[in-house]
Amino acid sequence: MGTAKSGLEWHGSTLLRRTVGTLARGLEGPVVVVRAPGQELPELPAGVEVVDDPFEGRGPLQGIAVGLAAVADRAPGAFVCSTDLPFLHTAFVRRVLRALADGPYDVVLPHVHGFRQPLAAAYATSLAPLAAQLLAEGVSAPKLLLDRSRTLVLDDAALLEDAALRAADPELASVLNLNEPADYAAARGRPAPTVTVQRFGVLASGGQHGERQVAAATLAGAADAVGLVLDRYVLAAVNGDQTGRDPELPLVAGDVVAFLSADAGG
């Protein structure tokens, strides 16, 4: 790619900021970023934990092992993904994690667009010792971990049995990653997600009442699309949850964003 993927610009934010923000919206529990030794990261939202990987160049299994170990005492399962999933949808995260919780599995592995997706999958955190053992044996790819675990493979059809995911991400763009500059350029050229914006109170005066559908990848983008500025006078709620004013809060297709006066909302 020529530069660190984590800091690549994405609609006024960064790829890493979008990924961690989407995960935070899609699950309960901690969000952890595993970084390489000495790696600089873009600004992250409050509450996101950063864990330093003690080794460099050991491949994706190393990151999986460190991440699982970091949350093993707080969660039975974890959604594990790479930085470069700009179209990841909260409905995808929930679908995969629910399958892990519902069945006697160690791993729920999406098999989408003809490829296995070990970096958009759910893992039991109890796998951390096995992952560490495999690394000590010189294994760096996740394949052997998957082969030694109770792995449920979900293909496109199985994933899309979930009505919420089918409505939100029918193309399963959630797993599209960016390996080459051309991938990034093509992804950046896609339109931002379509979201519904509502304005309440004084923000709905002057004929601005009612709903509008706009293209916006962040809360700031949604505000700008309807002529608002996220200052101390404006609060925002996404799908009924108050979120405050974080301009880089990622939005996904189907979101409903409500803006209201801070006097009215707080």
Protein backbone atom coordinates (compact mmCIF):
# COMPACT_ATOMS: atom_id res chain seq x y z
CA MET A 1 0.00 0.00 0.00
CA GLY A 2 2.98 2.28 0.55
CA THR A 3 1.74 3.65 3.87
CA ALA A 4 0.14 2.30 7.02
CA LYS A 5 -3.46 1.33 6.34
CA SER A 6 -4.59 2.44 9.78
CA GLY A 7 -4.05 6.11 8.97
CA LEU A 8 -5.56 6.18 5.49
CA GLU A 9 -8.18 8.91 5.13
CA TRP A 10 -11.81 7.82 5.09
CA HIS A 11 -14.46 10.52 4.63
CA GLY A 12 -12.77 12.88 7.06
CA SER A 13 -11.74 10.10 9.44
CA THR A 14 -9.29 7.20 9.16
CA LEU A 15 -9.69 3.53 8.34
CA LEU A 16 -8.74 2.47 11.86
CA ARG A 17 -11.04 5.02 13.48
CA ARG A 18 -13.92 3.78 11.34
CA THR A 19 -13.25 0.12 12.08
CA VAL A 20 -13.01 0.50 15.86
CA GLY A 21 -16.03 2.79 15.91
CA THR A 22 -18.10 0.29 13.96
CA LEU A 23 -17.05 -2.52 16.28
CA ALA A 24 -17.92 -0.45 19.34
CA ARG A 25 -21.40 0.08 17.91
CA GLY A 26 -21.85 -3.59 16.98
CA LEU A 27 -20.91 -5.35 20.18
CA GLU A 28 -20.87 -5.13 23.93
CA GLY A 29 -17.57 -5.22 25.74
CA PRO A 30 -14.06 -3.90 25.19
CA VAL A 31 -12.61 -2.89 21.84
CA VAL A 32 -8.90 -3.65 21.60
CA VAL A 33 -6.37 -2.60 18.97
CA VAL A 34 -3.24 -4.74 18.68
CA ARG A 35 -0.36 -2.73 17.31
CA ALA A 36 3.09 -3.74 16.12
CA PRO A 37 6.17 -2.72 18.08
CA GLY A 38 6.70 1.02 17.69
CA GLN A 39 3.65 1.48 15.45
CA GLU A 40 2.07 4.92 15.52
CA LEU A 41 -1.70 4.97 15.42
CA PRO A 42 -4.16 7.68 14.45
CA GLU A 43 -6.34 9.18 17.17
CA LEU A 44 -8.79 6.70 18.64
CA PRO A 45 -12.04 7.29 20.52
CA ALA A 46 -12.12 7.19 24.30
CA GLY A 47 -12.44 3.71 25.73
CA VAL A 48 -10.55 1.89 22.99
CA GLU A 49 -7.66 -0.10 24.44
CA VAL A 50 -4.30 -0.45 22.72
CA VAL A 51 -2.21 -3.56 23.32
CA ASP A 52 1.39 -3.74 22.16
CA ASP A 53 2.42 -6.86 20.29
CA PRO A 54 5.84 -7.88 21.63
CA PHE A 55 6.87 -9.38 18.30
CA GLU A 56 7.02 -8.13 14.75
CA GLY A 57 6.55 -10.02 11.52
CA ARG A 58 4.86 -13.10 12.94
CA GLY A 59 1.77 -12.79 10.77
CA PRO A 60 -1.92 -12.58 11.57
CA LEU A 61 -1.98 -15.44 14.08
CA GLN A 62 0.25 -13.39 16.37
CA GLY A 63 -2.22 -10.51 16.40
CA ILE A 64 -5.12 -12.89 17.01
CA ALA A 65 -3.32 -14.50 19.95
CA VAL A 66 -2.45 -11.17 21.59
CA GLY A 67 -5.95 -9.80 21.09
CA LEU A 68 -7.73 -12.90 22.45
CA ALA A 69 -5.47 -12.99 25.50
CA ALA A 70 -6.16 -9.31 26.18
CA VAL A 71 -9.91 -9.87 26.58
CA ALA A 72 -10.05 -13.51 27.73
CA ASP A 73 -10.91 -12.57 31.31
CA ARG A 74 -13.74 -10.26 30.21
CA ALA A 75 -15.48 -11.95 27.29
CA PRO A 76 -16.06 -15.54 26.15
CA GLY A 77 -15.82 -14.58 22.48
CA ALA A 78 -14.42 -11.82 20.30
CA PHE A 79 -14.92 -10.54 16.79
CA VAL A 80 -11.48 -10.32 15.19
CA CYS A 81 -10.90 -8.17 12.12
CA SER A 82 -8.24 -6.32 10.21
CA THR A 83 -7.95 -2.54 10.03
CA ASP A 84 -8.96 -2.23 6.41
CA LEU A 85 -12.68 -3.10 6.39
CA PRO A 86 -14.31 0.26 5.60
CA PHE A 87 -17.68 -1.31 4.70
CA LEU A 88 -17.96 -3.45 7.82
CA HIS A 89 -21.55 -3.26 9.05
CA THR A 90 -22.70 -3.66 12.62
CA ALA A 91 -25.26 -6.23 11.43
CA PHE A 92 -22.42 -8.43 10.13
CA VAL A 93 -20.56 -8.24 13.43
CA ARG A 94 -23.69 -9.17 15.38
CA ARG A 95 -24.57 -12.04 13.01
CA VAL A 96 -21.19 -13.70 13.36
CA LEU A 97 -20.93 -13.21 17.11
CA ARG A 98 -24.45 -14.55 17.66
CA ALA A 99 -23.54 -17.76 15.83
CA LEU A 100 -20.56 -18.19 18.15
CA ALA A 101 -22.72 -17.65 21.24
CA ASP A 102 -25.51 -19.95 20.04
CA GLY A 103 -23.52 -23.03 19.18
CA PRO A 104 -20.79 -25.32 20.51
CA TYR A 105 -18.10 -23.68 18.38
CA ASP A 106 -14.68 -22.18 18.95
CA VAL A 107 -14.66 -20.22 15.69
CA VAL A 108 -17.32 -18.85 13.37
CA LEU A 109 -15.63 -18.36 10.01
CA PRO A 110 -17.38 -16.46 7.21
CA HIS A 111 -16.68 -17.86 3.73
CA VAL A 112 -17.69 -14.96 1.51
CA HIS A 113 -17.21 -14.27 -2.19
CA GLY A 114 -15.39 -17.58 -2.48
CA PHE A 115 -12.81 -16.87 0.23
CA ARG A 116 -12.43 -17.73 3.89
CA GLN A 117 -12.34 -14.63 6.07
CA PRO A 118 -10.29 -15.37 9.22
CA LEU A 119 -9.85 -11.63 9.81
CA ALA A 120 -13.59 -10.98 9.86
CA ALA A 121 -14.51 -13.85 12.15
CA ALA A 122 -15.49 -14.67 15.72
CA TYR A 123 -13.20 -16.62 18.06
CA ALA A 124 -13.64 -18.06 21.53
CA THR A 125 -11.13 -16.26 23.74
CA SER A 126 -10.25 -19.64 25.28
CA LEU A 127 -8.27 -20.28 22.07
CA ALA A 128 -5.54 -17.86 23.19
CA PRO A 129 -3.29 -20.61 24.68
CA LEU A 130 -3.62 -22.81 21.57
CA ALA A 131 -2.76 -19.84 19.36
CA ALA A 132 0.30 -19.11 21.51
CA GLN A 133 1.35 -22.77 21.29
CA LEU A 134 1.09 -22.78 17.51
CA LEU A 135 3.16 -19.61 17.33
CA ALA A 136 5.84 -21.26 19.48
CA GLU A 137 5.86 -24.09 16.93
CA GLY A 138 6.54 -21.62 14.12
CA VAL A 139 3.00 -21.31 12.75
CA SER A 140 2.04 -17.80 11.62
CA ALA A 141 -1.17 -18.28 9.61
CA PRO A 142 -4.58 -18.89 11.25
CA LYS A 143 -5.33 -22.02 9.19
CA LEU A 144 -3.98 -24.54 11.68
CA LEU A 145 -5.81 -22.83 14.53
CA LEU A 146 -9.03 -23.16 12.55
CA ASP A 147 -8.30 -26.81 11.72
CA ARG A 148 -7.72 -27.67 15.38
CA SER A 149 -10.85 -25.90 16.57
CA ARG A 150 -14.58 -26.53 16.35
CA THR A 151 -15.13 -24.23 13.40
CA LEU A 152 -18.48 -23.30 11.92
CA VAL A 153 -18.19 -22.02 8.34
CA LEU A 154 -20.91 -19.60 7.22
CA ASP A 155 -21.16 -19.07 3.48
CA ASP A 156 -22.92 -16.17 1.77
CA ALA A 157 -26.33 -17.84 1.89
CA ALA A 158 -26.05 -18.79 5.56
CA LEU A 159 -25.01 -15.29 6.54
CA LEU A 160 -27.85 -13.72 4.59
CA GLU A 161 -30.43 -15.87 6.33
CA ASP A 162 -30.23 -13.12 8.92
CA ALA A 163 -32.88 -10.57 7.94
CA ALA A 164 -31.07 -7.60 9.49
CA LEU A 165 -27.84 -8.36 7.63
CA ARG A 166 -29.68 -9.10 4.39
CA ALA A 167 -31.35 -5.69 4.53
CA ALA A 168 -28.26 -3.77 5.59
CA ASP A 169 -25.50 -5.43 3.55
CA PRO A 170 -26.96 -7.70 0.85
CA GLU A 171 -23.66 -7.74 -1.08
CA LEU A 172 -21.67 -8.65 2.06
CA ALA A 173 -19.35 -5.74 1.40
CA SER A 174 -18.44 -5.99 5.08
CA VAL A 175 -15.51 -8.27 4.19
CA LEU A 176 -14.04 -6.17 1.37
CA ASN A 177 -10.50 -5.24 2.37
CA LEU A 178 -7.88 -3.00 0.80
CA ASN A 179 -4.66 -4.70 -0.21
CA GLU A 180 -3.49 -2.46 -3.06
CA PRO A 181 -3.67 1.27 -3.83
CA ALA A 182 -6.21 0.47 -6.55
CA ASP A 183 -8.42 -1.22 -3.93
CA TYR A 184 -8.30 1.88 -1.78
CA ALA A 185 -9.05 4.18 -4.71
CA ALA A 186 -12.02 2.05 -5.78
CA ALA A 187 -13.37 1.85 -2.25
CA ARG A 188 -12.91 5.56 -1.67
CA GLY A 189 -14.86 6.19 -4.87
CA ARG A 190 -17.93 4.37 -3.58
CA PRO A 191 -20.75 6.54 -2.26
CA ALA A 192 -21.03 6.97 1.49
CA PRO A 193 -23.74 4.97 3.29
CA THR A 194 -27.33 6.16 2.95
CA VAL A 195 -28.72 7.25 6.32
CA THR A 196 -31.88 8.99 7.46
CA VAL A 197 -31.56 12.36 9.22
CA GLN A 198 -34.18 13.85 11.51
CA ARG A 199 -34.18 17.34 13.05
CA PHE A 200 -36.04 18.24 16.22
CA GLY A 201 -36.88 21.35 18.24
CA VAL A 202 -35.39 24.61 17.07
CA LEU A 203 -33.26 22.68 14.56
CA ALA A 204 -36.46 21.79 12.72
CA SER A 205 -37.64 25.38 12.39
CA GLY A 206 -37.69 27.28 9.13
CA GLY A 207 -39.13 24.39 7.15
CA GLN A 208 -36.40 21.94 8.20
CA HIS A 209 -38.75 19.43 9.85
CA GLY A 210 -39.26 15.91 8.59
CA GLU A 211 -36.78 13.25 7.48
CA ARG A 212 -34.12 13.35 4.81
CA GLN A 213 -32.01 10.60 3.36
CA VAL A 214 -28.39 11.62 2.87
CA ALA A 215 -25.07 9.99 2.07
CA ALA A 216 -22.81 10.19 5.11
CA ALA A 217 -20.02 8.04 6.53
CA THR A 218 -19.70 9.95 9.81
CA LEU A 219 -21.82 11.97 12.19
CA ALA A 220 -20.12 15.14 10.95
CA GLY A 221 -20.97 14.16 7.38
CA ALA A 222 -24.63 13.72 8.28
CA ALA A 223 -24.73 17.09 10.02
CA ASP A 224 -23.03 18.82 7.11
CA ALA A 225 -25.47 17.24 4.65
CA VAL A 226 -28.37 19.05 6.35
CA GLY A 227 -26.54 22.29 7.04
CA LEU A 228 -25.69 21.73 10.71
CA VAL A 229 -22.46 22.05 12.65
CA LEU A 230 -21.72 19.70 15.54
CA ASP A 231 -21.02 22.36 18.14
CA ARG A 232 -21.99 22.60 21.81
CA TYR A 233 -25.53 23.54 20.85
CA VAL A 234 -26.25 20.32 18.94
CA LEU A 235 -26.68 16.76 20.20
CA ALA A 236 -27.02 13.66 18.07
CA ALA A 237 -28.62 10.28 18.61
CA VAL A 238 -28.12 7.30 16.30
CA ASN A 239 -30.92 4.74 16.20
CA GLY A 240 -32.28 6.15 19.43
CA ASP A 241 -29.01 6.07 21.39
CA GLN A 242 -27.55 9.39 22.49
CA THR A 243 -24.04 9.68 21.14
CA GLY A 244 -23.12 13.27 21.85
CA ARG A 245 -21.10 15.14 19.27
CA ASP A 246 -18.26 12.89 18.15
CA PRO A 247 -17.79 14.06 14.53
CA GLU A 248 -15.97 10.85 13.50
CA LEU A 249 -18.59 8.45 14.82
CA PRO A 250 -19.00 6.01 11.90
CA LEU A 251 -22.39 5.61 10.29
CA VAL A 252 -23.58 2.55 8.39
CA ALA A 253 -26.35 2.00 5.89
CA GLY A 254 -29.79 2.19 7.44
CA ASP A 255 -28.86 4.35 10.41
CA VAL A 256 -31.32 6.97 11.64
CA VAL A 257 -29.59 10.07 12.95
CA ALA A 258 -31.57 12.52 15.06
CA PHE A 259 -30.22 16.01 15.72
CA LEU A 260 -31.67 18.14 18.49
CA SER A 261 -30.80 21.24 20.41
CA ALA A 262 -28.54 20.68 23.39
CA ASP A 263 -31.00 22.72 25.48
CA ALA A 264 -33.77 20.31 24.57
CA GLY A 265 -31.74 17.13 24.89
CA GLY A 266 -29.53 17.71 27.85
